[in-house]
Amino acid sequence: MTISEAEAVVMQVLWDRHPLAAEEVFAALSTHSGWAEPTVKTLLNRLLNKGAIAAEKQGRRYLYSPRIERAQWVAQQSEGLLERLFGGRVAPLVAHFSARGKLSAEDIAELKRLVRELDDEG
């Protein structure tokens, strides 16, 4: 399932708290996105049509909830990115960020810890 960047912003609101009415999603986004309410409703409808969210009628309004877990979406996105940009390999990804000075000492320590854990498992 492909979720656009704008749709992902709406999804994050619903992953954080659900179910929500369209007005509540709009209120959560209005201070940060600058989007008008019809824009938010359009994004909700797109996500609904894709099957990423569900809508349950409550009185005169609908309450929206995610149908996919954030972790599931992140896994799909990261695997796609890794495949497209680095042939599915993690080492070139890490090398890319390292060469550009994007790895902090904390990042490097975390990577070392992860490698040690992998060595211990093998």
N, C-alpha and C. Protein backbone atom coordinates (compact mmCIF):
# COMPACT_ATOMS: atom_id res chain seq x y z
N MET A 1 0.85 -1.18 0.00
CA MET A 1 0.00 0.00 0.00
C MET A 1 0.90 1.24 0.00
N THR A 2 0.62 2.14 -0.90
CA THR A 2 1.38 3.37 -1.00
C THR A 2 0.63 4.48 -0.27
N ILE A 3 1.32 5.09 0.67
CA ILE A 3 0.75 6.22 1.42
C ILE A 3 1.64 7.42 1.15
N SER A 4 1.03 8.49 0.66
CA SER A 4 1.79 9.70 0.36
C SER A 4 2.31 10.36 1.63
N GLU A 5 3.20 11.31 1.46
CA GLU A 5 3.74 12.03 2.61
C GLU A 5 2.64 12.74 3.40
N ALA A 6 1.73 13.38 2.68
CA ALA A 6 0.62 14.09 3.35
C ALA A 6 -0.30 13.10 4.07
N GLU A 7 -0.58 11.97 3.42
CA GLU A 7 -1.41 10.95 4.05
C GLU A 7 -0.74 10.38 5.30
N ALA A 8 0.58 10.27 5.25
CA ALA A 8 1.32 9.75 6.41
C ALA A 8 1.19 10.69 7.61
N VAL A 9 1.08 11.97 7.36
CA VAL A 9 0.88 12.94 8.45
C VAL A 9 -0.47 12.68 9.12
N VAL A 10 -1.48 12.44 8.33
CA VAL A 10 -2.82 12.13 8.86
C VAL A 10 -2.77 10.80 9.61
N MET A 11 -2.09 9.81 9.03
CA MET A 11 -1.98 8.51 9.68
C MET A 11 -1.33 8.65 11.05
N GLN A 12 -0.30 9.49 11.15
CA GLN A 12 0.40 9.64 12.43
C GLN A 12 -0.55 10.14 13.51
N VAL A 13 -1.44 11.05 13.15
CA VAL A 13 -2.44 11.53 14.11
C VAL A 13 -3.30 10.37 14.58
N LEU A 14 -3.72 9.53 13.64
CA LEU A 14 -4.58 8.40 14.00
C LEU A 14 -3.82 7.30 14.73
N TRP A 15 -2.53 7.13 14.42
CA TRP A 15 -1.74 6.15 15.18
C TRP A 15 -1.56 6.62 16.62
N ASP A 16 -1.44 7.92 16.80
CA ASP A 16 -1.25 8.48 18.14
C ASP A 16 -2.51 8.35 18.99
N ARG A 17 -3.68 8.53 18.35
CA ARG A 17 -4.93 8.51 19.11
C ARG A 17 -6.08 8.19 18.15
N HIS A 18 -6.89 7.25 18.50
CA HIS A 18 -8.05 6.90 17.67
C HIS A 18 -9.09 6.21 18.54
N PRO A 19 -10.32 6.17 18.11
CA PRO A 19 -10.85 6.76 16.88
C PRO A 19 -11.04 8.27 17.02
N LEU A 20 -10.99 8.94 15.87
CA LEU A 20 -11.18 10.39 15.83
C LEU A 20 -12.13 10.76 14.71
N ALA A 21 -12.90 11.81 14.93
CA ALA A 21 -13.74 12.39 13.88
C ALA A 21 -12.86 13.26 12.99
N ALA A 22 -13.32 13.54 11.79
CA ALA A 22 -12.57 14.37 10.85
C ALA A 22 -12.20 15.71 11.47
N GLU A 23 -13.13 16.28 12.23
CA GLU A 23 -12.87 17.58 12.86
C GLU A 23 -11.73 17.50 13.87
N GLU A 24 -11.65 16.37 14.56
CA GLU A 24 -10.58 16.18 15.54
C GLU A 24 -9.23 15.99 14.86
N VAL A 25 -9.23 15.28 13.73
CA VAL A 25 -7.99 15.13 12.97
C VAL A 25 -7.55 16.50 12.48
N PHE A 26 -8.50 17.26 11.94
CA PHE A 26 -8.20 18.62 11.47
C PHE A 26 -7.63 19.48 12.60
N ALA A 27 -8.24 19.42 13.77
CA ALA A 27 -7.78 20.22 14.91
C ALA A 27 -6.35 19.83 15.30
N ALA A 28 -6.05 18.54 15.24
CA ALA A 28 -4.71 18.08 15.60
C ALA A 28 -3.67 18.56 14.59
N LEU A 29 -4.09 18.76 13.34
CA LEU A 29 -3.15 19.15 12.28
C LEU A 29 -3.12 20.64 11.99
N SER A 30 -4.15 21.36 12.37
CA SER A 30 -4.31 22.75 11.93
C SER A 30 -3.15 23.65 12.34
N THR A 31 -2.60 23.45 13.50
CA THR A 31 -1.52 24.34 13.95
C THR A 31 -0.19 24.03 13.26
N HIS A 32 -0.02 22.80 12.77
CA HIS A 32 1.27 22.42 12.19
C HIS A 32 1.26 22.39 10.66
N SER A 33 0.15 22.00 10.07
CA SER A 33 0.14 21.78 8.62
C SER A 33 -0.32 23.00 7.82
N GLY A 34 -1.20 23.80 8.40
CA GLY A 34 -1.77 24.91 7.65
C GLY A 34 -2.82 24.45 6.65
N TRP A 35 -3.21 23.17 6.71
CA TRP A 35 -4.20 22.64 5.79
C TRP A 35 -5.60 23.09 6.19
N ALA A 36 -6.45 23.28 5.20
CA ALA A 36 -7.86 23.58 5.43
C ALA A 36 -8.59 22.27 5.74
N GLU A 37 -9.74 22.39 6.38
CA GLU A 37 -10.50 21.20 6.75
C GLU A 37 -10.86 20.33 5.54
N PRO A 38 -11.25 20.91 4.39
CA PRO A 38 -11.54 20.05 3.23
C PRO A 38 -10.32 19.22 2.78
N THR A 39 -9.13 19.76 2.94
CA THR A 39 -7.92 19.02 2.59
C THR A 39 -7.76 17.80 3.47
N VAL A 40 -7.98 17.98 4.77
CA VAL A 40 -7.89 16.87 5.71
C VAL A 40 -8.94 15.81 5.38
N LYS A 41 -10.15 16.25 5.06
CA LYS A 41 -11.22 15.30 4.71
C LYS A 41 -10.88 14.55 3.42
N THR A 42 -10.27 15.23 2.46
CA THR A 42 -9.84 14.57 1.22
C THR A 42 -8.79 13.50 1.53
N LEU A 43 -7.83 13.83 2.39
CA LEU A 43 -6.80 12.86 2.76
C LEU A 43 -7.40 11.67 3.50
N LEU A 44 -8.37 11.93 4.38
CA LEU A 44 -9.06 10.83 5.07
C LEU A 44 -9.78 9.94 4.07
N ASN A 45 -10.44 10.53 3.08
CA ASN A 45 -11.15 9.74 2.07
C ASN A 45 -10.18 8.91 1.23
N ARG A 46 -9.04 9.47 0.89
CA ARG A 46 -8.04 8.71 0.14
C ARG A 46 -7.57 7.50 0.95
N LEU A 47 -7.28 7.74 2.24
CA LEU A 47 -6.82 6.65 3.10
C LEU A 47 -7.90 5.60 3.28
N LEU A 48 -9.14 6.03 3.35
CA LEU A 48 -10.27 5.11 3.48
C LEU A 48 -10.38 4.25 2.22
N ASN A 49 -10.26 4.88 1.05
CA ASN A 49 -10.34 4.15 -0.22
C ASN A 49 -9.19 3.16 -0.39
N LYS A 50 -8.05 3.46 0.18
CA LYS A 50 -6.89 2.57 0.10
C LYS A 50 -6.98 1.43 1.11
N GLY A 51 -7.88 1.56 2.07
CA GLY A 51 -8.00 0.54 3.11
C GLY A 51 -7.03 0.73 4.25
N ALA A 52 -6.39 1.89 4.32
CA ALA A 52 -5.43 2.17 5.40
C ALA A 52 -6.13 2.54 6.70
N ILE A 53 -7.36 3.06 6.59
CA ILE A 53 -8.14 3.42 7.77
C ILE A 53 -9.54 2.86 7.61
N ALA A 54 -10.23 2.80 8.72
CA ALA A 54 -11.63 2.37 8.75
C ALA A 54 -12.46 3.53 9.29
N ALA A 55 -13.71 3.56 8.90
CA ALA A 55 -14.64 4.59 9.38
C ALA A 55 -15.86 3.91 9.98
N GLU A 56 -16.21 4.36 11.18
CA GLU A 56 -17.39 3.83 11.85
C GLU A 56 -18.35 4.98 12.10
N LYS A 57 -19.57 4.80 11.64
CA LYS A 57 -20.57 5.87 11.80
C LYS A 57 -21.00 5.95 13.26
N GLN A 58 -20.96 7.17 13.77
CA GLN A 58 -21.43 7.44 15.13
C GLN A 58 -22.33 8.67 15.05
N GLY A 59 -23.61 8.44 15.10
CA GLY A 59 -24.55 9.54 14.95
C GLY A 59 -24.46 10.13 13.56
N ARG A 60 -24.15 11.42 13.49
CA ARG A 60 -24.07 12.11 12.19
C ARG A 60 -22.65 12.24 11.68
N ARG A 61 -21.71 11.61 12.35
CA ARG A 61 -20.32 11.74 11.92
C ARG A 61 -19.65 10.36 11.87
N TYR A 62 -18.48 10.33 11.28
CA TYR A 62 -17.69 9.11 11.21
C TYR A 62 -16.46 9.24 12.10
N LEU A 63 -16.10 8.14 12.72
CA LEU A 63 -14.88 8.07 13.52
C LEU A 63 -13.88 7.21 12.76
N TYR A 64 -12.67 7.72 12.63
CA TYR A 64 -11.64 7.06 11.84
C TYR A 64 -10.59 6.41 12.74
N SER A 65 -10.16 5.22 12.31
CA SER A 65 -9.12 4.47 13.02
C SER A 65 -8.21 3.83 11.99
N PRO A 66 -6.93 3.66 12.33
CA PRO A 66 -6.02 3.01 11.39
C PRO A 66 -6.33 1.52 11.27
N ARG A 67 -6.15 0.99 10.07
CA ARG A 67 -6.31 -0.45 9.84
C ARG A 67 -4.94 -1.12 9.71
N ILE A 68 -3.91 -0.32 9.56
CA ILE A 68 -2.56 -0.87 9.50
C ILE A 68 -1.76 -0.32 10.68
N GLU A 69 -0.88 -1.12 11.20
CA GLU A 69 -0.02 -0.70 12.30
C GLU A 69 1.09 0.20 11.77
N ARG A 70 1.53 1.14 12.58
CA ARG A 70 2.62 2.00 12.16
C ARG A 70 3.87 1.19 11.87
N ALA A 71 4.16 0.19 12.71
CA ALA A 71 5.35 -0.64 12.53
C ALA A 71 5.29 -1.37 11.18
N GLN A 72 4.12 -1.82 10.79
CA GLN A 72 3.94 -2.50 9.50
C GLN A 72 4.24 -1.54 8.35
N TRP A 73 3.73 -0.32 8.43
CA TRP A 73 3.97 0.68 7.39
C TRP A 73 5.44 1.06 7.33
N VAL A 74 6.07 1.26 8.50
CA VAL A 74 7.49 1.62 8.54
C VAL A 74 8.32 0.50 7.91
N ALA A 75 7.98 -0.75 8.19
CA ALA A 75 8.71 -1.87 7.61
C ALA A 75 8.59 -1.85 6.08
N GLN A 76 7.39 -1.63 5.57
CA GLN A 76 7.20 -1.57 4.11
C GLN A 76 8.01 -0.43 3.50
N GLN A 77 7.94 0.74 4.14
CA GLN A 77 8.65 1.91 3.62
C GLN A 77 10.16 1.71 3.64
N SER A 78 10.67 1.21 4.76
CA SER A 78 12.12 1.06 4.89
C SER A 78 12.65 -0.02 3.95
N GLU A 79 11.91 -1.11 3.78
CA GLU A 79 12.35 -2.16 2.86
C GLU A 79 12.34 -1.66 1.43
N GLY A 80 11.33 -0.88 1.07
CA GLY A 80 11.26 -0.31 -0.27
C GLY A 80 12.40 0.66 -0.52
N LEU A 81 12.67 1.52 0.45
CA LEU A 81 13.77 2.48 0.32
C LEU A 81 15.10 1.75 0.19
N LEU A 82 15.32 0.78 1.04
CA LEU A 82 16.56 0.02 1.03
C LEU A 82 16.76 -0.68 -0.32
N GLU A 83 15.69 -1.25 -0.84
CA GLU A 83 15.78 -1.95 -2.13
C GLU A 83 16.04 -0.97 -3.27
N ARG A 84 15.30 0.13 -3.29
CA ARG A 84 15.44 1.10 -4.39
C ARG A 84 16.80 1.78 -4.41
N LEU A 85 17.29 2.18 -3.23
CA LEU A 85 18.50 2.99 -3.19
C LEU A 85 19.79 2.20 -2.96
N PHE A 86 19.69 1.05 -2.29
CA PHE A 86 20.91 0.34 -1.90
C PHE A 86 20.89 -1.14 -2.24
N GLY A 87 20.05 -1.53 -3.20
CA GLY A 87 20.01 -2.92 -3.62
C GLY A 87 19.62 -3.88 -2.52
N GLY A 88 18.89 -3.38 -1.53
CA GLY A 88 18.43 -4.23 -0.44
C GLY A 88 19.47 -4.46 0.65
N ARG A 89 20.61 -3.81 0.56
CA ARG A 89 21.69 -4.03 1.52
C ARG A 89 21.76 -2.89 2.55
N VAL A 90 21.97 -3.25 3.80
CA VAL A 90 22.01 -2.28 4.88
C VAL A 90 23.37 -1.58 4.97
N ALA A 91 24.46 -2.32 4.75
CA ALA A 91 25.80 -1.74 4.91
C ALA A 91 26.01 -0.49 4.05
N PRO A 92 25.61 -0.50 2.76
CA PRO A 92 25.77 0.74 1.97
C PRO A 92 24.94 1.90 2.51
N LEU A 93 23.80 1.60 3.10
CA LEU A 93 22.98 2.65 3.71
C LEU A 93 23.74 3.31 4.86
N VAL A 94 24.30 2.49 5.74
CA VAL A 94 25.05 3.01 6.88
C VAL A 94 26.28 3.78 6.38
N ALA A 95 26.96 3.22 5.38
CA ALA A 95 28.14 3.90 4.82
C ALA A 95 27.76 5.26 4.23
N HIS A 96 26.60 5.33 3.59
CA HIS A 96 26.12 6.58 3.01
C HIS A 96 26.00 7.67 4.09
N PHE A 97 25.36 7.33 5.20
CA PHE A 97 25.17 8.31 6.26
C PHE A 97 26.49 8.62 6.97
N SER A 98 27.33 7.63 7.10
CA SER A 98 28.62 7.83 7.73
C SER A 98 29.48 8.80 6.92
N ALA A 99 29.50 8.61 5.61
CA ALA A 99 30.31 9.45 4.73
C ALA A 99 29.85 10.91 4.76
N ARG A 100 28.62 11.14 5.10
CA ARG A 100 28.09 12.51 5.13
C ARG A 100 28.05 13.09 6.55
N GLY A 101 28.68 12.40 7.48
CA GLY A 101 28.74 12.90 8.85
C GLY A 101 27.41 12.91 9.55
N LYS A 102 26.49 12.05 9.15
CA LYS A 102 25.15 12.04 9.72
C LYS A 102 24.99 11.07 10.89
N LEU A 103 26.06 10.36 11.26
CA LEU A 103 25.98 9.43 12.38
C LEU A 103 26.60 10.08 13.62
N SER A 104 25.81 10.20 14.65
CA SER A 104 26.32 10.76 15.91
C SER A 104 27.05 9.66 16.67
N ALA A 105 27.76 10.04 17.71
CA ALA A 105 28.44 9.06 18.56
C ALA A 105 27.42 8.10 19.14
N GLU A 106 26.25 8.59 19.46
CA GLU A 106 25.17 7.74 19.99
C GLU A 106 24.71 6.73 18.94
N ASP A 107 24.59 7.19 17.68
CA ASP A 107 24.21 6.28 16.59
C ASP A 107 25.25 5.18 16.42
N ILE A 108 26.51 5.55 16.45
CA ILE A 108 27.59 4.58 16.26
C ILE A 108 27.59 3.56 17.40
N ALA A 109 27.41 4.03 18.63
CA ALA A 109 27.35 3.11 19.78
C ALA A 109 26.18 2.14 19.64
N GLU A 110 25.04 2.64 19.17
CA GLU A 110 23.87 1.79 18.97
C GLU A 110 24.13 0.75 17.88
N LEU A 111 24.76 1.17 16.79
CA LEU A 111 25.09 0.23 15.71
C LEU A 111 26.05 -0.85 16.21
N LYS A 112 27.04 -0.47 17.00
CA LYS A 112 27.99 -1.45 17.55
C LYS A 112 27.26 -2.44 18.45
N ARG A 113 26.34 -1.94 19.25
CA ARG A 113 25.56 -2.82 20.13
C ARG A 113 24.75 -3.81 19.32
N LEU A 114 24.11 -3.32 18.26
CA LEU A 114 23.31 -4.20 17.40
C LEU A 114 24.16 -5.28 16.74
N VAL A 115 25.34 -4.90 16.26
CA VAL A 115 26.25 -5.87 15.62
C VAL A 115 26.70 -6.91 16.64
N ARG A 116 27.01 -6.48 17.86
CA ARG A 116 27.41 -7.44 18.91
C ARG A 116 26.27 -8.43 19.18
N GLU A 117 25.05 -7.93 19.24
CA GLU A 117 23.89 -8.81 19.46
C GLU A 117 23.74 -9.81 18.32
N LEU A 118 23.93 -9.35 17.10
CA LEU A 118 23.85 -10.26 15.95
C LEU A 118 24.94 -11.31 16.00
N ASP A 119 26.16 -10.91 16.40
CA ASP A 119 27.27 -11.86 16.54
C ASP A 119 26.94 -12.89 17.61
N ASP A 120 26.35 -12.45 18.71
CA ASP A 120 26.02 -13.37 19.80
C ASP A 120 24.96 -14.39 19.39
N GLU A 121 24.04 -13.96 18.51
CA GLU A 121 22.98 -14.85 18.04
C GLU A 121 23.52 -15.89 17.05
N GLY A 122 24.54 -15.49 16.29
CA GLY A 122 25.08 -16.36 15.23
C GLY A 122 25.98 -17.38 15.77
